Amino acid sequence: MLAVIGLLLGFLISALFLIQGKRGRKSTVDQGKRSTHKDPVDDVKPKSYSKSEVALHNKRHDCWIIIKDRVYDVTSYVEEHPGGDAILDHAGDDSTDGFYGPQHATRVFDMIEDFYIGELRE
């Protein structure tokens, strides 16, 4: 019984540290890093990319995707992707259908915003 209580406390403390770590992250898109904090006061217009610009980023070490006309740099997530190399199937291209497939839990809809870098322009 004591061991179970210890495990539960350990789990809760770990979860607390993870939550605190996510709140403390900040970075800037302008410096080429993925954005992990959005300041609602910022009136900065998002960068826009053409489809041909996005298409250049189609490798494991340089992977951008398009989801609903928004561009995401998912390079740092490629190795962590639970679906393995499936994320590379549409690297440099539109991944909307795959992203909204039944294999993804709803949490990915929040996670993807950490990788947002701009809008797709026509």
PDB file of N, CA and C in Angstrom:
ATOM      1  N   MET A   1       0.825  -1.185   0.000  1.00  0.00           N
ATOM      2  CA  MET A   1       0.000   0.000   0.000  1.00  0.00           C
ATOM      3  C   MET A   1       0.874   1.255   0.000  1.00  0.00           C
ATOM      4  N   LEU A   2       1.932   1.227   0.803  1.00  0.00           N
ATOM      5  CA  LEU A   2       2.841   2.357   0.881  1.00  0.00           C
ATOM      6  C   LEU A   2       3.541   2.583  -0.462  1.00  0.00           C
ATOM      7  N   ALA A   3       3.879   1.493  -1.139  1.00  0.00           N
ATOM      8  CA  ALA A   3       4.533   1.591  -2.442  1.00  0.00           C
ATOM      9  C   ALA A   3       3.608   2.245  -3.467  1.00  0.00           C
ATOM     10  N   VAL A   4       2.332   1.912  -3.442  1.00  0.00           N
ATOM     11  CA  VAL A   4       1.359   2.487  -4.372  1.00  0.00           C
ATOM     12  C   VAL A   4       1.241   3.994  -4.132  1.00  0.00           C
ATOM     13  N   ILE A   5       1.162   4.399  -2.887  1.00  0.00           N
ATOM     14  CA  ILE A   5       1.068   5.819  -2.547  1.00  0.00           C
ATOM     15  C   ILE A   5       2.328   6.555  -3.015  1.00  0.00           C
ATOM     16  N   GLY A   6       3.479   5.932  -2.814  1.00  0.00           N
ATOM     17  CA  GLY A   6       4.741   6.520  -3.272  1.00  0.00           C
ATOM     18  C   GLY A   6       4.774   6.694  -4.775  1.00  0.00           C
ATOM     19  N   LEU A   7       4.309   5.701  -5.513  1.00  0.00           N
ATOM     20  CA  LEU A   7       4.261   5.800  -6.966  1.00  0.00           C
ATOM     21  C   LEU A   7       3.324   6.902  -7.420  1.00  0.00           C
ATOM     22  N   LEU A   8       2.160   7.000  -6.796  1.00  0.00           N
ATOM     23  CA  LEU A   8       1.209   8.058  -7.149  1.00  0.00           C
ATOM     24  C   LEU A   8       1.791   9.443  -6.884  1.00  0.00           C
ATOM     25  N   LEU A   9       2.435   9.619  -5.749  1.00  0.00           N
ATOM     26  CA  LEU A   9       3.064  10.906  -5.443  1.00  0.00           C
ATOM     27  C   LEU A   9       4.159  11.235  -6.449  1.00  0.00           C
ATOM     28  N   GLY A  10       4.957  10.238  -6.793  1.00  0.00           N
ATOM     29  CA  GLY A  10       6.001  10.440  -7.800  1.00  0.00           C
ATOM     30  C   GLY A  10       5.427  10.856  -9.137  1.00  0.00           C
ATOM     31  N   PHE A  11       4.345  10.215  -9.534  1.00  0.00           N
ATOM     32  CA  PHE A  11       3.690  10.549 -10.796  1.00  0.00           C
ATOM     33  C   PHE A  11       3.160  11.984 -10.766  1.00  0.00           C
ATOM     34  N   LEU A  12       2.518  12.366  -9.685  1.00  0.00           N
ATOM     35  CA  LEU A  12       1.972  13.717  -9.580  1.00  0.00           C
ATOM     36  C   LEU A  12       3.068  14.777  -9.587  1.00  0.00           C
ATOM     37  N   ILE A  13       4.161  14.523  -8.900  1.00  0.00           N
ATOM     38  CA  ILE A  13       5.269  15.480  -8.885  1.00  0.00           C
ATOM     39  C   ILE A  13       5.879  15.606 -10.278  1.00  0.00           C
ATOM     40  N   SER A  14       6.029  14.482 -10.975  1.00  0.00           N
ATOM     41  CA  SER A  14       6.560  14.517 -12.349  1.00  0.00           C
ATOM     42  C   SER A  14       5.649  15.314 -13.256  1.00  0.00           C
ATOM     43  N   ALA A  15       4.355  15.104 -13.146  1.00  0.00           N
ATOM     44  CA  ALA A  15       3.390  15.846 -13.965  1.00  0.00           C
ATOM     45  C   ALA A  15       3.480  17.337 -13.676  1.00  0.00           C
ATOM     46  N   LEU A  16       3.655  17.709 -12.420  1.00  0.00           N
ATOM     47  CA  LEU A  16       3.778  19.110 -12.041  1.00  0.00           C
ATOM     48  C   LEU A  16       5.002  19.738 -12.695  1.00  0.00           C
ATOM     49  N   PHE A  17       6.127  19.033 -12.687  1.00  0.00           N
ATOM     50  CA  PHE A  17       7.331  19.558 -13.319  1.00  0.00           C
ATOM     51  C   PHE A  17       7.146  19.709 -14.822  1.00  0.00           C
ATOM     52  N   LEU A  18       6.472  18.774 -15.470  1.00  0.00           N
ATOM     53  CA  LEU A  18       6.217  18.877 -16.904  1.00  0.00           C
ATOM     54  C   LEU A  18       5.350  20.077 -17.219  1.00  0.00           C
ATOM     55  N   ILE A  19       4.323  20.300 -16.440  1.00  0.00           N
ATOM     56  CA  ILE A  19       3.434  21.441 -16.664  1.00  0.00           C
ATOM     57  C   ILE A  19       4.193  22.746 -16.471  1.00  0.00           C
ATOM     58  N   GLN A  20       4.990  22.840 -15.424  1.00  0.00           N
ATOM     59  CA  GLN A  20       5.771  24.049 -15.157  1.00  0.00           C
ATOM     60  C   GLN A  20       6.765  24.296 -16.279  1.00  0.00           C
ATOM     61  N   GLY A  21       7.387  23.238 -16.791  1.00  0.00           N
ATOM     62  CA  GLY A  21       8.352  23.374 -17.873  1.00  0.00           C
ATOM     63  C   GLY A  21       7.724  23.928 -19.130  1.00  0.00           C
ATOM     64  N   LYS A  22       6.519  23.508 -19.449  1.00  0.00           N
ATOM     65  CA  LYS A  22       5.837  23.995 -20.641  1.00  0.00           C
ATOM     66  C   LYS A  22       5.440  25.458 -20.495  1.00  0.00           C
ATOM     67  N   ARG A  23       5.080  25.873 -19.312  1.00  0.00           N
ATOM     68  CA  ARG A  23       4.687  27.266 -19.084  1.00  0.00           C
ATOM     69  C   ARG A  23       5.869  28.201 -19.203  1.00  0.00           C
ATOM     70  N   GLY A  24       7.041  27.726 -18.865  1.00  0.00           N
ATOM     71  CA  GLY A  24       8.212  28.580 -18.844  1.00  0.00           C
ATOM     72  C   GLY A  24       8.908  28.729 -20.180  1.00  0.00           C
ATOM     73  N   ARG A  25       8.528  27.951 -21.192  1.00  0.00           N
ATOM     74  CA  ARG A  25       9.211  27.997 -22.486  1.00  0.00           C
ATOM     75  C   ARG A  25       8.775  29.218 -23.274  1.00  0.00           C
ATOM     76  N   LYS A  26       9.758  29.905 -23.852  1.00  0.00           N
ATOM     77  CA  LYS A  26       9.494  30.992 -24.778  1.00  0.00           C
ATOM     78  C   LYS A  26      10.555  30.917 -25.857  1.00  0.00           C
ATOM     79  N   SER A  27      10.162  31.213 -27.046  1.00  0.00           N
ATOM     80  CA  SER A  27      11.135  31.327 -28.125  1.00  0.00           C
ATOM     81  C   SER A  27      10.542  32.221 -29.187  1.00  0.00           C
ATOM     82  N   THR A  28      11.351  32.545 -30.191  1.00  0.00           N
ATOM     83  CA  THR A  28      10.861  33.450 -31.224  1.00  0.00           C
ATOM     84  C   THR A  28      10.943  32.802 -32.578  1.00  0.00           C
ATOM     85  N   VAL A  29       9.976  33.085 -33.406  1.00  0.00           N
ATOM     86  CA  VAL A  29       9.973  32.588 -34.767  1.00  0.00           C
ATOM     87  C   VAL A  29      11.033  33.314 -35.570  1.00  0.00           C
ATOM     88  N   ASP A  30      11.231  34.613 -35.293  1.00  0.00           N
ATOM     89  CA  ASP A  30      12.158  35.434 -36.054  1.00  0.00           C
ATOM     90  C   ASP A  30      13.592  34.932 -35.980  1.00  0.00           C
ATOM     91  N   GLN A  31      13.959  34.229 -34.912  1.00  0.00           N
ATOM     92  CA  GLN A  31      15.310  33.729 -34.780  1.00  0.00           C
ATOM     93  C   GLN A  31      15.438  32.314 -35.326  1.00  0.00           C
ATOM     94  N   GLY A  32      14.427  31.821 -36.025  1.00  0.00           N
ATOM     95  CA  GLY A  32      14.485  30.514 -36.653  1.00  0.00           C
ATOM     96  C   GLY A  32      14.157  29.369 -35.724  1.00  0.00           C
ATOM     97  N   LYS A  33      13.679  29.657 -34.532  1.00  0.00           N
ATOM     98  CA  LYS A  33      13.323  28.601 -33.589  1.00  0.00           C
ATOM     99  C   LYS A  33      11.821  28.429 -33.637  1.00  0.00           C
ATOM    100  N   ARG A  34      11.374  27.249 -33.282  1.00  0.00           N
ATOM    101  CA  ARG A  34       9.937  27.033 -33.286  1.00  0.00           C
ATOM    102  C   ARG A  34       9.302  27.849 -32.170  1.00  0.00           C
ATOM    103  N   SER A  35       8.134  28.338 -32.405  1.00  0.00           N
ATOM    104  CA  SER A  35       7.444  29.172 -31.432  1.00  0.00           C
ATOM    105  C   SER A  35       6.721  28.299 -30.423  1.00  0.00           C
ATOM    106  N   THR A  36       7.034  28.514 -29.132  1.00  0.00           N
ATOM    107  CA  THR A  36       6.358  27.735 -28.106  1.00  0.00           C
ATOM    108  C   THR A  36       5.528  28.623 -27.199  1.00  0.00           C
ATOM    109  N   HIS A  37       5.509  29.922 -27.472  1.00  0.00           N
ATOM    110  CA  HIS A  37       4.733  30.823 -26.641  1.00  0.00           C
ATOM    111  C   HIS A  37       4.134  31.894 -27.538  1.00  0.00           C
ATOM    112  N   LYS A  38       2.862  32.039 -27.473  1.00  0.00           N
ATOM    113  CA  LYS A  38       2.174  33.060 -28.248  1.00  0.00           C
ATOM    114  C   LYS A  38       1.727  34.161 -27.296  1.00  0.00           C
ATOM    115  N   ASP A  39       2.159  35.388 -27.563  1.00  0.00           N
ATOM    116  CA  ASP A  39       1.754  36.515 -26.751  1.00  0.00           C
ATOM    117  C   ASP A  39       0.586  37.192 -27.453  1.00  0.00           C
ATOM    118  N   PRO A  40      -0.611  37.202 -26.833  1.00  0.00           N
ATOM    119  CA  PRO A  40      -1.777  37.766 -27.501  1.00  0.00           C
ATOM    120  C   PRO A  40      -1.637  39.247 -27.793  1.00  0.00           C
ATOM    121  N   VAL A  41      -0.684  39.925 -27.171  1.00  0.00           N
ATOM    122  CA  VAL A  41      -0.500  41.349 -27.397  1.00  0.00           C
ATOM    123  C   VAL A  41       0.276  41.605 -28.679  1.00  0.00           C
ATOM    124  N   ASP A  42       1.045  40.606 -29.134  1.00  0.00           N
ATOM    125  CA  ASP A  42       1.840  40.766 -30.347  1.00  0.00           C
ATOM    126  C   ASP A  42       0.948  40.995 -31.556  1.00  0.00           C
ATOM    127  N   ASP A  43       1.261  42.052 -32.308  1.00  0.00           N
ATOM    128  CA  ASP A  43       0.529  42.340 -33.535  1.00  0.00           C
ATOM    129  C   ASP A  43       1.377  42.003 -34.746  1.00  0.00           C
ATOM    130  N   VAL A  44       2.323  41.104 -34.566  1.00  0.00           N
ATOM    131  CA  VAL A  44       3.228  40.724 -35.639  1.00  0.00           C
ATOM    132  C   VAL A  44       2.471  39.874 -36.645  1.00  0.00           C
ATOM    133  N   LYS A  45       2.552  40.285 -37.894  1.00  0.00           N
ATOM    134  CA  LYS A  45       1.895  39.538 -38.961  1.00  0.00           C
ATOM    135  C   LYS A  45       2.690  38.265 -39.227  1.00  0.00           C
ATOM    136  N   PRO A  46       2.014  37.115 -39.343  1.00  0.00           N
ATOM    137  CA  PRO A  46       2.754  35.868 -39.587  1.00  0.00           C
ATOM    138  C   PRO A  46       3.448  35.888 -40.945  1.00  0.00           C
ATOM    139  N   LYS A  47       4.567  35.239 -41.016  1.00  0.00           N
ATOM    140  CA  LYS A  47       5.290  35.114 -42.273  1.00  0.00           C
ATOM    141  C   LYS A  47       4.476  34.254 -43.222  1.00  0.00           C
ATOM    142  N   SER A  48       4.624  34.486 -44.501  1.00  0.00           N
ATOM    143  CA  SER A  48       3.902  33.652 -45.470  1.00  0.00           C
ATOM    144  C   SER A  48       4.903  32.966 -46.392  1.00  0.00           C
ATOM    145  N   TYR A  49       4.515  31.774 -46.829  1.00  0.00           N
ATOM    146  CA  TYR A  49       5.371  30.947 -47.674  1.00  0.00           C
ATOM    147  C   TYR A  49       4.585  30.456 -48.874  1.00  0.00           C
ATOM    148  N   SER A  50       5.256  30.349 -49.989  1.00  0.00           N
ATOM    149  CA  SER A  50       4.625  29.752 -51.173  1.00  0.00           C
ATOM    150  C   SER A  50       4.740  28.238 -51.064  1.00  0.00           C
ATOM    151  N   LYS A  51       3.925  27.544 -51.839  1.00  0.00           N
ATOM    152  CA  LYS A  51       3.981  26.080 -51.833  1.00  0.00           C
ATOM    153  C   LYS A  51       5.353  25.593 -52.305  1.00  0.00           C
ATOM    154  N   SER A  52       5.955  26.318 -53.248  1.00  0.00           N
ATOM    155  CA  SER A  52       7.277  25.904 -53.734  1.00  0.00           C
ATOM    156  C   SER A  52       8.360  26.116 -52.673  1.00  0.00           C
ATOM    157  N   GLU A  53       8.209  27.125 -51.811  1.00  0.00           N
ATOM    158  CA  GLU A  53       9.156  27.318 -50.716  1.00  0.00           C
ATOM    159  C   GLU A  53       9.038  26.179 -49.702  1.00  0.00           C
ATOM    160  N   VAL A  54       7.819  25.814 -49.379  1.00  0.00           N
ATOM    161  CA  VAL A  54       7.592  24.724 -48.428  1.00  0.00           C
ATOM    162  C   VAL A  54       8.145  23.414 -48.993  1.00  0.00           C
ATOM    163  N   ALA A  55       7.986  23.213 -50.285  1.00  0.00           N
ATOM    164  CA  ALA A  55       8.419  21.969 -50.931  1.00  0.00           C
ATOM    165  C   ALA A  55       9.924  21.724 -50.781  1.00  0.00           C
ATOM    166  N   LEU A  56      10.704  22.768 -50.562  1.00  0.00           N
ATOM    167  CA  LEU A  56      12.147  22.619 -50.391  1.00  0.00           C
ATOM    168  C   LEU A  56      12.508  21.942 -49.065  1.00  0.00           C
ATOM    169  N   HIS A  57      11.579  21.934 -48.134  1.00  0.00           N
ATOM    170  CA  HIS A  57      11.818  21.393 -46.793  1.00  0.00           C
ATOM    171  C   HIS A  57      11.163  20.018 -46.669  1.00  0.00           C
ATOM    172  N   ASN A  58      11.720  19.048 -47.376  1.00  0.00           N
ATOM    173  CA  ASN A  58      11.087  17.736 -47.501  1.00  0.00           C
ATOM    174  C   ASN A  58      11.974  16.568 -47.055  1.00  0.00           C
ATOM    175  N   LYS A  59      12.832  16.846 -46.092  1.00  0.00           N
ATOM    176  CA  LYS A  59      13.766  15.816 -45.613  1.00  0.00           C
ATOM    177  C   LYS A  59      13.589  15.597 -44.112  1.00  0.00           C
ATOM    178  N   ARG A  60      14.125  14.518 -43.625  1.00  0.00           N
ATOM    179  CA  ARG A  60      14.075  14.187 -42.194  1.00  0.00           C
ATOM    180  C   ARG A  60      14.699  15.308 -41.354  1.00  0.00           C
ATOM    181  N   HIS A  61      15.801  15.876 -41.828  1.00  0.00           N
ATOM    182  CA  HIS A  61      16.512  16.904 -41.071  1.00  0.00           C
ATOM    183  C   HIS A  61      16.020  18.316 -41.385  1.00  0.00           C
ATOM    184  N   ASP A  62      15.019  18.433 -42.235  1.00  0.00           N
ATOM    185  CA  ASP A  62      14.435  19.728 -42.605  1.00  0.00           C
ATOM    186  C   ASP A  62      13.024  19.459 -43.112  1.00  0.00           C
ATOM    187  N   CYS A  63      12.072  19.391 -42.205  1.00  0.00           N
ATOM    188  CA  CYS A  63      10.733  18.916 -42.536  1.00  0.00           C
ATOM    189  C   CYS A  63       9.658  19.946 -42.190  1.00  0.00           C
ATOM    190  N   TRP A  64       9.051  20.493 -43.236  1.00  0.00           N
ATOM    191  CA  TRP A  64       7.910  21.395 -43.069  1.00  0.00           C
ATOM    192  C   TRP A  64       6.687  20.708 -43.641  1.00  0.00           C
ATOM    193  N   ILE A  65       5.537  20.997 -43.072  1.00  0.00           N
ATOM    194  CA  ILE A  65       4.281  20.475 -43.603  1.00  0.00           C
ATOM    195  C   ILE A  65       3.236  21.588 -43.638  1.00  0.00           C
ATOM    196  N   ILE A  66       2.214  21.370 -44.429  1.00  0.00           N
ATOM    197  CA  ILE A  66       1.096  22.304 -44.541  1.00  0.00           C
ATOM    198  C   ILE A  66      -0.140  21.603 -43.984  1.00  0.00           C
ATOM    199  N   ILE A  67      -0.858  22.302 -43.109  1.00  0.00           N
ATOM    200  CA  ILE A  67      -2.127  21.804 -42.592  1.00  0.00           C
ATOM    201  C   ILE A  67      -3.111  22.962 -42.652  1.00  0.00           C
ATOM    202  N   LYS A  68      -4.125  22.803 -43.462  1.00  0.00           N
ATOM    203  CA  LYS A  68      -5.159  23.837 -43.626  1.00  0.00           C
ATOM    204  C   LYS A  68      -4.557  25.217 -43.890  1.00  0.00           C
ATOM    205  N   ASP A  69      -3.689  25.296 -44.885  1.00  0.00           N
ATOM    206  CA  ASP A  69      -3.067  26.546 -45.328  1.00  0.00           C
ATOM    207  C   ASP A  69      -2.199  27.234 -44.274  1.00  0.00           C
ATOM    208  N   ARG A  70      -1.749  26.459 -43.290  1.00  0.00           N
ATOM    209  CA  ARG A  70      -0.801  26.956 -42.288  1.00  0.00           C
ATOM    210  C   ARG A  70       0.461  26.108 -42.395  1.00  0.00           C
ATOM    211  N   VAL A  71       1.614  26.734 -42.219  1.00  0.00           N
ATOM    212  CA  VAL A  71       2.898  26.057 -42.401  1.00  0.00           C
ATOM    213  C   VAL A  71       3.521  25.762 -41.032  1.00  0.00           C
ATOM    214  N   TYR A  72       4.021  24.542 -40.897  1.00  0.00           N
ATOM    215  CA  TYR A  72       4.616  24.087 -39.644  1.00  0.00           C
ATOM    216  C   TYR A  72       5.987  23.481 -39.917  1.00  0.00           C
ATOM    217  N   ASP A  73       6.966  23.850 -39.108  1.00  0.00           N
ATOM    218  CA  ASP A  73       8.295  23.242 -39.168  1.00  0.00           C
ATOM    219  C   ASP A  73       8.328  22.149 -38.108  1.00  0.00           C
ATOM    220  N   VAL A  74       8.174  20.911 -38.526  1.00  0.00           N
ATOM    221  CA  VAL A  74       8.101  19.778 -37.602  1.00  0.00           C
ATOM    222  C   VAL A  74       9.408  18.989 -37.538  1.00  0.00           C
ATOM    223  N   THR A  75      10.479  19.597 -38.001  1.00  0.00           N
ATOM    224  CA  THR A  75      11.783  18.923 -38.034  1.00  0.00           C
ATOM    225  C   THR A  75      12.150  18.320 -36.684  1.00  0.00           C
ATOM    226  N   SER A  76      11.978  19.080 -35.630  1.00  0.00           N
ATOM    227  CA  SER A  76      12.380  18.596 -34.307  1.00  0.00           C
ATOM    228  C   SER A  76      11.464  17.496 -33.783  1.00  0.00           C
ATOM    229  N   TYR A  77      10.338  17.276 -34.431  1.00  0.00           N
ATOM    230  CA  TYR A  77       9.386  16.263 -33.981  1.00  0.00           C
ATOM    231  C   TYR A  77       9.473  14.962 -34.779  1.00  0.00           C
ATOM    232  N   VAL A  78      10.154  14.982 -35.902  1.00  0.00           N
ATOM    233  CA  VAL A  78      10.195  13.810 -36.795  1.00  0.00           C
ATOM    234  C   VAL A  78      10.623  12.550 -36.052  1.00  0.00           C
ATOM    235  N   GLU A  79      11.669  12.623 -35.264  1.00  0.00           N
ATOM    236  CA  GLU A  79      12.178  11.437 -34.563  1.00  0.00           C
ATOM    237  C   GLU A  79      11.252  10.999 -33.430  1.00  0.00           C
ATOM    238  N   GLU A  80      10.452  11.911 -32.891  1.00  0.00           N
ATOM    239  CA  GLU A  80       9.542  11.600 -31.790  1.00  0.00           C
ATOM    240  C   GLU A  80       8.180  11.107 -32.262  1.00  0.00           C
ATOM    241  N   HIS A  81       7.892  11.264 -33.539  1.00  0.00           N
ATOM    242  CA  HIS A  81       6.561  10.952 -34.062  1.00  0.00           C
ATOM    243  C   HIS A  81       6.201   9.493 -33.792  1.00  0.00           C
ATOM    244  N   PRO A  82       5.115   9.259 -33.061  1.00  0.00           N
ATOM    245  CA  PRO A  82       4.725   7.877 -32.727  1.00  0.00           C
ATOM    246  C   PRO A  82       4.427   7.017 -33.949  1.00  0.00           C
ATOM    247  N   GLY A  83       4.074   7.648 -35.052  1.00  0.00           N
ATOM    248  CA  GLY A  83       3.782   6.911 -36.280  1.00  0.00           C
ATOM    249  C   GLY A  83       5.013   6.673 -37.130  1.00  0.00           C
ATOM    250  N   GLY A  84       6.187   6.853 -36.545  1.00  0.00           N
ATOM    251  CA  GLY A  84       7.434   6.622 -37.272  1.00  0.00           C
ATOM    252  C   GLY A  84       7.601   7.588 -38.428  1.00  0.00           C
ATOM    253  N   ASP A  85       8.043   7.063 -39.555  1.00  0.00           N
ATOM    254  CA  ASP A  85       8.331   7.898 -40.718  1.00  0.00           C
ATOM    255  C   ASP A  85       7.091   8.341 -41.484  1.00  0.00           C
ATOM    256  N   ALA A  86       5.914   7.997 -41.003  1.00  0.00           N
ATOM    257  CA  ALA A  86       4.682   8.419 -41.689  1.00  0.00           C
ATOM    258  C   ALA A  86       4.608   9.927 -41.816  1.00  0.00           C
ATOM    259  N   ILE A  87       5.205  10.629 -40.890  1.00  0.00           N
ATOM    260  CA  ILE A  87       5.201  12.093 -40.945  1.00  0.00           C
ATOM    261  C   ILE A  87       5.965  12.595 -42.173  1.00  0.00           C
ATOM    262  N   LEU A  88       6.892  11.783 -42.673  1.00  0.00           N
ATOM    263  CA  LEU A  88       7.687  12.176 -43.835  1.00  0.00           C
ATOM    264  C   LEU A  88       6.968  11.927 -45.163  1.00  0.00           C
ATOM    265  N   ASP A  89       5.847  11.188 -45.127  1.00  0.00           N
ATOM    266  CA  ASP A  89       5.118  10.888 -46.362  1.00  0.00           C
ATOM    267  C   ASP A  89       4.698  12.141 -47.111  1.00  0.00           C
ATOM    268  N   HIS A  90       4.441  13.220 -46.379  1.00  0.00           N
ATOM    269  CA  HIS A  90       4.014  14.466 -47.009  1.00  0.00           C
ATOM    270  C   HIS A  90       4.922  15.621 -46.612  1.00  0.00           C
ATOM    271  N   ALA A  91       6.174  15.327 -46.307  1.00  0.00           N
ATOM    272  CA  ALA A  91       7.140  16.370 -45.975  1.00  0.00           C
ATOM    273  C   ALA A  91       7.259  17.341 -47.148  1.00  0.00           C
ATOM    274  N   GLY A  92       7.176  18.628 -46.841  1.00  0.00           N
ATOM    275  CA  GLY A  92       7.239  19.645 -47.884  1.00  0.00           C
ATOM    276  C   GLY A  92       5.947  19.788 -48.661  1.00  0.00           C
ATOM    277  N   ASP A  93       4.884  19.195 -48.180  1.00  0.00           N
ATOM    278  CA  ASP A  93       3.618  19.185 -48.915  1.00  0.00           C
ATOM    279  C   ASP A  93       2.442  19.286 -47.936  1.00  0.00           C
ATOM    280  N   ASP A  94       1.253  19.168 -48.470  1.00  0.00           N
ATOM    281  CA  ASP A  94       0.037  19.271 -47.655  1.00  0.00           C
ATOM    282  C   ASP A  94      -0.201  17.978 -46.889  1.00  0.00           C
ATOM    283  N   SER A  95      -0.301  18.087 -45.573  1.00  0.00           N
ATOM    284  CA  SER A  95      -0.519  16.937 -44.692  1.00  0.00           C
ATOM    285  C   SER A  95      -1.871  16.992 -44.000  1.00  0.00           C
ATOM    286  N   THR A  96      -2.777  17.802 -44.515  1.00  0.00           N
ATOM    287  CA  THR A  96      -4.067  18.014 -43.858  1.00  0.00           C
ATOM    288  C   THR A  96      -4.831  16.707 -43.665  1.00  0.00           C
ATOM    289  N   ASP A  97      -4.964  15.927 -44.721  1.00  0.00           N
ATOM    290  CA  ASP A  97      -5.734  14.670 -44.611  1.00  0.00           C
ATOM    291  C   ASP A  97      -5.121  13.714 -43.593  1.00  0.00           C
ATOM    292  N   GLY A  98      -3.812  13.546 -43.632  1.00  0.00           N
ATOM    293  CA  GLY A  98      -3.148  12.656 -42.684  1.00  0.00           C
ATOM    294  C   GLY A  98      -3.241  13.155 -41.260  1.00  0.00           C
ATOM    295  N   PHE A  99      -3.134  14.466 -41.090  1.00  0.00           N
ATOM    296  CA  PHE A  99      -3.191  15.043 -39.750  1.00  0.00           C
ATOM    297  C   PHE A  99      -4.550  14.827 -39.104  1.00  0.00           C
ATOM    298  N   TYR A 100      -5.602  14.957 -39.885  1.00  0.00           N
ATOM    299  CA  TYR A 100      -6.956  14.795 -39.346  1.00  0.00           C
ATOM    300  C   TYR A 100      -7.459  13.353 -39.426  1.00  0.00           C
ATOM    301  N   GLY A 101      -6.561  12.416 -39.659  1.00  0.00           N
ATOM    302  CA  GLY A 101      -6.933  11.009 -39.724  1.00  0.00           C
ATOM    303  C   GLY A 101      -7.300  10.449 -38.358  1.00  0.00           C
ATOM    304  N   PRO A 102      -7.918   9.275 -38.338  1.00  0.00           N
ATOM    305  CA  PRO A 102      -8.390   8.674 -37.085  1.00  0.00           C
ATOM    306  C   PRO A 102      -7.264   8.216 -36.154  1.00  0.00           C
ATOM    307  N   GLN A 103      -6.033   8.156 -36.639  1.00  0.00           N
ATOM    308  CA  GLN A 103      -4.922   7.685 -35.818  1.00  0.00           C
ATOM    309  C   GLN A 103      -4.455   8.721 -34.804  1.00  0.00           C
ATOM    310  N   HIS A 104      -4.858   9.975 -34.971  1.00  0.00           N
ATOM    311  CA  HIS A 104      -4.391  11.019 -34.069  1.00  0.00           C
ATOM    312  C   HIS A 104      -5.375  11.301 -32.939  1.00  0.00           C
ATOM    313  N   ALA A 105      -4.833  11.392 -31.732  1.00  0.00           N
ATOM    314  CA  ALA A 105      -5.636  11.800 -30.576  1.00  0.00           C
ATOM    315  C   ALA A 105      -5.866  13.313 -30.660  1.00  0.00           C
ATOM    316  N   THR A 106      -6.856  13.793 -29.953  1.00  0.00           N
ATOM    317  CA  THR A 106      -7.194  15.219 -30.024  1.00  0.00           C
ATOM    318  C   THR A 106      -6.076  16.121 -29.495  1.00  0.00           C
ATOM    319  N   ARG A 107      -5.168  15.606 -28.697  1.00  0.00           N
ATOM    320  CA  ARG A 107      -4.093  16.438 -28.163  1.00  0.00           C
ATOM    321  C   ARG A 107      -3.158  16.960 -29.248  1.00  0.00           C
ATOM    322  N   VAL A 108      -3.103  16.296 -30.402  1.00  0.00           N
ATOM    323  CA  VAL A 108      -2.230  16.773 -31.470  1.00  0.00           C
ATOM    324  C   VAL A 108      -2.683  18.128 -31.997  1.00  0.00           C
ATOM    325  N   PHE A 109      -3.948  18.455 -31.834  1.00  0.00           N
ATOM    326  CA  PHE A 109      -4.451  19.737 -32.314  1.00  0.00           C
ATOM    327  C   PHE A 109      -3.858  20.895 -31.515  1.00  0.00           C
ATOM    328  N   ASP A 110      -3.532  20.657 -30.255  1.00  0.00           N
ATOM    329  CA  ASP A 110      -2.849  21.670 -29.448  1.00  0.00           C
ATOM    330  C   ASP A 110      -1.343  21.618 -29.680  1.00  0.00           C
ATOM    331  N   MET A 111      -0.805  20.425 -29.793  1.00  0.00           N
ATOM    332  CA  MET A 111       0.638  20.251 -29.975  1.00  0.00           C
ATOM    333  C   MET A 111       1.144  20.909 -31.252  1.00  0.00           C
ATOM    334  N   ILE A 112       0.391  20.820 -32.315  1.00  0.00           N
ATOM    335  CA  ILE A 112       0.873  21.299 -33.615  1.00  0.00           C
ATOM    336  C   ILE A 112       1.173  22.794 -33.592  1.00  0.00           C
ATOM    337  N   GLU A 113       0.496  23.534 -32.753  1.00  0.00           N
ATOM    338  CA  GLU A 113       0.709  24.978 -32.712  1.00  0.00           C
ATOM    339  C   GLU A 113       2.110  25.348 -32.249  1.00  0.00           C
ATOM    340  N   ASP A 114       2.780  24.457 -31.534  1.00  0.00           N
ATOM    341  CA  ASP A 114       4.161  24.709 -31.124  1.00  0.00           C
ATOM    342  C   ASP A 114       5.101  24.777 -32.329  1.00  0.00           C
ATOM    343  N   PHE A 115       4.683  24.249 -33.463  1.00  0.00           N
ATOM    344  CA  PHE A 115       5.521  24.157 -34.646  1.00  0.00           C
ATOM    345  C   PHE A 115       5.150  25.169 -35.729  1.00  0.00           C
ATOM    346  N   TYR A 116       4.155  25.985 -35.483  1.00  0.00           N
ATOM    347  CA  TYR A 116       3.644  26.957 -36.457  1.00  0.00           C
ATOM    348  C   TYR A 116       4.714  27.984 -36.823  1.00  0.00           C
ATOM    349  N   ILE A 117       4.921  28.207 -38.123  1.00  0.00           N
ATOM    350  CA  ILE A 117       5.886  29.212 -38.559  1.00  0.00           C
ATOM    351  C   ILE A 117       5.284  30.241 -39.507  1.00  0.00           C
ATOM    352  N   GLY A 118       4.106  29.983 -40.053  1.00  0.00           N
ATOM    353  CA  GLY A 118       3.513  30.977 -40.953  1.00  0.00           C
ATOM    354  C   GLY A 118       2.329  30.430 -41.736  1.00  0.00           C
ATOM    355  N   GLU A 119       1.894  31.258 -42.672  1.00  0.00           N
ATOM    356  CA  GLU A 119       0.734  30.956 -43.504  1.00  0.00           C
ATOM    357  C   GLU A 119       1.186  30.565 -44.921  1.00  0.00           C
ATOM    358  N   LEU A 120       0.360  29.776 -45.585  1.00  0.00           N
ATOM    359  CA  LEU A 120       0.598  29.435 -46.978  1.00  0.00           C
ATOM    360  C   LEU A 120      -0.016  30.527 -47.841  1.00  0.00           C
ATOM    361  N   ARG A 121       0.752  31.045 -48.761  1.00  0.00           N
ATOM    362  CA  ARG A 121       0.200  32.063 -49.680  1.00  0.00           C
ATOM    363  C   ARG A 121      -0.034  31.429 -51.041  1.00  0.00           C
ATOM    364  N   GLU A 122      -0.995  31.964 -51.736  1.00  0.00           N
ATOM    365  CA  GLU A 122      -1.353  31.401 -53.049  1.00  0.00           C
ATOM    366  C   GLU A 122      -0.432  31.852 -54.139  1.00  0.00           C
TER     367      GLU A 122
END
